[in-house]
Amino acid sequence: MGMFDYVRSDYPLGPDFTGECQTKDMDRFGGSMSHFYIDPKGQVWQIDLRNTADFVELKEGDEGYNATRGWLNFRWAPNSNHGKVTPYRVTNYVTIYPSNWDGKWEKWPEARLHIVNGEVKDFTTNIKGERLNVG
């Protein structure tokens, strides 16, 4: 599937899009594991979490250590640094979909957002080609 970006929206897109969503359209890389937030007014924000956690290697006896995991014995530990939230001035058509969809993939809901200079101007929602809502 490749990489994607996380999107959390408080903009009224409908109940399927109120939690964590994903997209490959927000940046020019097709997904770079970045975090975005859409506020209730439709403004898009980028959340930068760099340098907010430290890489901690787990050793035998540490909580979470598993001898069968080999070099994968690590965890991220918060380090008290704060992230940054900045306006994200993208202009694009962006498709988002819920991250934790329990239904069949054929019925996976999608929201197609028209974003201009970092603000949602219009949107449609559907279930794989079946139009549900126009914003």
C-alpha atoms as a PDB file:
ATOM      1  CA  MET A   1       0.000   0.000   0.000  1.00  0.00           C
ATOM      2  CA  GLY A   2       2.893   2.382   0.571  1.00  0.00           C
ATOM      3  CA  MET A   3       3.113   5.392   2.815  1.00  0.00           C
ATOM      4  CA  PHE A   4       0.348   7.859   3.554  1.00  0.00           C
ATOM      5  CA  ASP A   5      -0.396  10.913   5.680  1.00  0.00           C
ATOM      6  CA  TYR A   6      -2.645  11.111   8.733  1.00  0.00           C
ATOM      7  CA  VAL A   7      -5.567  13.550   8.714  1.00  0.00           C
ATOM      8  CA  ARG A   8      -7.832  14.370  11.649  1.00  0.00           C
ATOM      9  CA  SER A   9     -10.835  16.514  10.808  1.00  0.00           C
ATOM     10  CA  ASP A  10     -13.275  18.510  12.898  1.00  0.00           C
ATOM     11  CA  TYR A  11     -14.741  19.950   9.692  1.00  0.00           C
ATOM     12  CA  PRO A  12     -18.283  18.536   9.174  1.00  0.00           C
ATOM     13  CA  LEU A  13     -17.564  15.875   6.539  1.00  0.00           C
ATOM     14  CA  GLY A  14     -19.902  13.268   8.046  1.00  0.00           C
ATOM     15  CA  PRO A  15     -19.622  10.552  10.695  1.00  0.00           C
ATOM     16  CA  ASP A  16     -17.199   8.349   8.743  1.00  0.00           C
ATOM     17  CA  PHE A  17     -14.542  11.086   8.760  1.00  0.00           C
ATOM     18  CA  THR A  18     -14.558  12.278  12.391  1.00  0.00           C
ATOM     19  CA  GLY A  19     -11.687  10.096  13.623  1.00  0.00           C
ATOM     20  CA  GLU A  20      -8.268   9.419  12.187  1.00  0.00           C
ATOM     21  CA  CYS A  21      -8.185   9.410   8.402  1.00  0.00           C
ATOM     22  CA  GLN A  22      -5.486   8.803   5.815  1.00  0.00           C
ATOM     23  CA  THR A  23      -4.560  10.296   2.439  1.00  0.00           C
ATOM     24  CA  LYS A  24      -1.876  10.101  -0.227  1.00  0.00           C
ATOM     25  CA  ASP A  25      -2.874  13.428  -1.784  1.00  0.00           C
ATOM     26  CA  MET A  26      -1.965  16.073   0.790  1.00  0.00           C
ATOM     27  CA  ASP A  27       1.700  16.427  -0.164  1.00  0.00           C
ATOM     28  CA  ARG A  28       3.619  16.009  -3.401  1.00  0.00           C
ATOM     29  CA  PHE A  29       5.346  12.844  -2.140  1.00  0.00           C
ATOM     30  CA  GLY A  30       2.191  10.709  -2.165  1.00  0.00           C
ATOM     31  CA  GLY A  31       2.368  10.300   1.588  1.00  0.00           C
ATOM     32  CA  SER A  32       5.255  10.963   3.934  1.00  0.00           C
ATOM     33  CA  MET A  33       3.718   9.907   7.276  1.00  0.00           C
ATOM     34  CA  SER A  34       2.957  13.564   8.057  1.00  0.00           C
ATOM     35  CA  HIS A  35       0.122  14.674  10.337  1.00  0.00           C
ATOM     36  CA  PHE A  36      -2.573  17.168   9.338  1.00  0.00           C
ATOM     37  CA  TYR A  37      -5.593  18.664  11.066  1.00  0.00           C
ATOM     38  CA  ILE A  38      -8.659  20.299   9.504  1.00  0.00           C
ATOM     39  CA  ASP A  39     -10.343  22.653  11.973  1.00  0.00           C
ATOM     40  CA  PRO A  40     -14.130  23.233  12.174  1.00  0.00           C
ATOM     41  CA  LYS A  41     -13.865  26.185   9.767  1.00  0.00           C
ATOM     42  CA  GLY A  42     -12.034  24.112   7.136  1.00  0.00           C
ATOM     43  CA  GLN A  43      -8.504  25.484   7.676  1.00  0.00           C
ATOM     44  CA  VAL A  44      -5.766  22.878   7.117  1.00  0.00           C
ATOM     45  CA  TRP A  45      -2.894  22.690   9.617  1.00  0.00           C
ATOM     46  CA  GLN A  46       0.290  20.633   9.586  1.00  0.00           C
ATOM     47  CA  ILE A  47       1.373  19.087  12.871  1.00  0.00           C
ATOM     48  CA  ASP A  48       5.141  18.690  13.220  1.00  0.00           C
ATOM     49  CA  LEU A  49       6.070  16.143  15.881  1.00  0.00           C
ATOM     50  CA  ARG A  50       9.808  16.055  15.146  1.00  0.00           C
ATOM     51  CA  ASN A  51      12.063  15.916  18.212  1.00  0.00           C
ATOM     52  CA  THR A  52       9.162  15.265  20.609  1.00  0.00           C
ATOM     53  CA  ALA A  53      10.272  11.707  21.468  1.00  0.00           C
ATOM     54  CA  ASP A  54      13.526   9.829  21.911  1.00  0.00           C
ATOM     55  CA  PHE A  55      14.461   6.418  20.584  1.00  0.00           C
ATOM     56  CA  VAL A  56      15.045   4.063  23.549  1.00  0.00           C
ATOM     57  CA  GLU A  57      16.600   0.647  23.064  1.00  0.00           C
ATOM     58  CA  LEU A  58      15.049  -2.051  25.252  1.00  0.00           C
ATOM     59  CA  LYS A  59      17.399  -4.427  27.001  1.00  0.00           C
ATOM     60  CA  GLU A  60      16.722  -7.803  28.586  1.00  0.00           C
ATOM     61  CA  GLY A  61      14.680  -7.215  31.750  1.00  0.00           C
ATOM     62  CA  ASP A  62      13.044  -4.005  30.461  1.00  0.00           C
ATOM     63  CA  GLU A  63       9.261  -3.891  30.207  1.00  0.00           C
ATOM     64  CA  GLY A  64       8.290  -4.716  26.615  1.00  0.00           C
ATOM     65  CA  TYR A  65      11.537  -6.548  25.811  1.00  0.00           C
ATOM     66  CA  ASN A  66      11.058  -9.643  23.652  1.00  0.00           C
ATOM     67  CA  ALA A  67      14.085 -11.801  22.856  1.00  0.00           C
ATOM     68  CA  THR A  68      12.535 -12.996  19.583  1.00  0.00           C
ATOM     69  CA  ARG A  69      12.333  -9.439  18.205  1.00  0.00           C
ATOM     70  CA  GLY A  70      16.099  -8.967  17.986  1.00  0.00           C
ATOM     71  CA  TRP A  71      17.021  -5.466  16.832  1.00  0.00           C
ATOM     72  CA  LEU A  72      13.327  -4.436  16.944  1.00  0.00           C
ATOM     73  CA  ASN A  73      13.455  -4.082  20.734  1.00  0.00           C
ATOM     74  CA  PHE A  74      12.891  -0.340  21.046  1.00  0.00           C
ATOM     75  CA  ARG A  75      10.236   2.178  21.927  1.00  0.00           C
ATOM     76  CA  TRP A  76       9.671   5.893  21.573  1.00  0.00           C
ATOM     77  CA  ALA A  77       9.716   7.854  24.832  1.00  0.00           C
ATOM     78  CA  PRO A  78       8.243  11.379  25.082  1.00  0.00           C
ATOM     79  CA  ASN A  79      10.977  13.894  25.927  1.00  0.00           C
ATOM     80  CA  SER A  80       8.855  16.932  26.963  1.00  0.00           C
ATOM     81  CA  ASN A  81       9.543  18.883  23.749  1.00  0.00           C
ATOM     82  CA  HIS A  82       6.429  20.310  22.104  1.00  0.00           C
ATOM     83  CA  GLY A  83       5.499  19.957  18.456  1.00  0.00           C
ATOM     84  CA  LYS A  84       4.560  22.800  16.126  1.00  0.00           C
ATOM     85  CA  VAL A  85       1.273  23.470  14.364  1.00  0.00           C
ATOM     86  CA  THR A  86       1.440  25.665  11.261  1.00  0.00           C
ATOM     87  CA  PRO A  87      -1.014  26.570   8.494  1.00  0.00           C
ATOM     88  CA  TYR A  88      -0.647  24.278   5.491  1.00  0.00           C
ATOM     89  CA  ARG A  89      -1.355  26.341   2.368  1.00  0.00           C
ATOM     90  CA  VAL A  90      -2.020  23.501  -0.063  1.00  0.00           C
ATOM     91  CA  THR A  91      -4.186  23.905  -3.164  1.00  0.00           C
ATOM     92  CA  ASN A  92      -5.315  20.531  -4.438  1.00  0.00           C
ATOM     93  CA  TYR A  93      -8.083  17.969  -4.647  1.00  0.00           C
ATOM     94  CA  VAL A  94      -7.478  15.610  -1.734  1.00  0.00           C
ATOM     95  CA  THR A  95      -9.154  12.255  -1.078  1.00  0.00           C
ATOM     96  CA  ILE A  96      -9.267  11.066   2.523  1.00  0.00           C
ATOM     97  CA  TYR A  97     -10.584   7.811   3.946  1.00  0.00           C
ATOM     98  CA  PRO A  98     -11.060   6.477   7.499  1.00  0.00           C
ATOM     99  CA  SER A  99      -8.036   4.690   8.958  1.00  0.00           C
ATOM    100  CA  ASN A 100     -10.002   2.190  11.030  1.00  0.00           C
ATOM    101  CA  TRP A 101     -12.724   0.994   8.686  1.00  0.00           C
ATOM    102  CA  ASP A 102     -14.425  -2.224   9.869  1.00  0.00           C
ATOM    103  CA  GLY A 103     -16.485  -2.864   6.760  1.00  0.00           C
ATOM    104  CA  LYS A 104     -15.598  -4.462   3.436  1.00  0.00           C
ATOM    105  CA  TRP A 105     -12.995  -2.637   1.373  1.00  0.00           C
ATOM    106  CA  GLU A 106     -15.485  -2.341  -1.488  1.00  0.00           C
ATOM    107  CA  LYS A 107     -17.614  -0.093   0.772  1.00  0.00           C
ATOM    108  CA  TRP A 108     -14.733   2.013   2.134  1.00  0.00           C
ATOM    109  CA  PRO A 109     -15.987   5.620   2.396  1.00  0.00           C
ATOM    110  CA  GLU A 110     -14.025   8.396   0.734  1.00  0.00           C
ATOM    111  CA  ALA A 111     -14.237  12.169   1.035  1.00  0.00           C
ATOM    112  CA  ARG A 112     -12.965  14.244  -1.880  1.00  0.00           C
ATOM    113  CA  LEU A 113     -11.959  17.696  -0.632  1.00  0.00           C
ATOM    114  CA  HIS A 114     -11.319  20.736  -2.791  1.00  0.00           C
ATOM    115  CA  ILE A 115      -8.722  22.706  -0.827  1.00  0.00           C
ATOM    116  CA  VAL A 116      -7.624  26.176  -1.959  1.00  0.00           C
ATOM    117  CA  ASN A 117      -4.757  27.945  -0.179  1.00  0.00           C
ATOM    118  CA  GLY A 118      -5.171  25.700   2.863  1.00  0.00           C
ATOM    119  CA  GLU A 119      -8.947  26.003   3.223  1.00  0.00           C
ATOM    120  CA  VAL A 120     -11.633  23.435   2.340  1.00  0.00           C
ATOM    121  CA  LYS A 121     -13.876  25.086  -0.251  1.00  0.00           C
ATOM    122  CA  ASP A 122     -16.051  22.130  -1.209  1.00  0.00           C
ATOM    123  CA  PHE A 123     -16.280  18.366  -0.731  1.00  0.00           C
ATOM    124  CA  THR A 124     -18.147  15.236  -1.722  1.00  0.00           C
ATOM    125  CA  THR A 125     -18.369  11.946   0.153  1.00  0.00           C
ATOM    126  CA  ASN A 126     -19.070   8.561  -1.305  1.00  0.00           C
ATOM    127  CA  ILE A 127     -18.683   4.850  -0.880  1.00  0.00           C
ATOM    128  CA  LYS A 128     -16.445   3.765  -3.769  1.00  0.00           C
ATOM    129  CA  GLY A 129     -18.255   5.693  -6.481  1.00  0.00           C
ATOM    130  CA  GLU A 130     -21.661   5.835  -4.772  1.00  0.00           C
ATOM    131  CA  ARG A 131     -22.256   9.545  -4.008  1.00  0.00           C
ATOM    132  CA  LEU A 132     -23.540  10.231  -0.486  1.00  0.00           C
ATOM    133  CA  ASN A 133     -23.103  13.927   0.251  1.00  0.00           C
ATOM    134  CA  VAL A 134     -22.093  17.192  -1.302  1.00  0.00           C
ATOM    135  CA  GLY A 135     -20.648  19.891   0.980  1.00  0.00           C
END
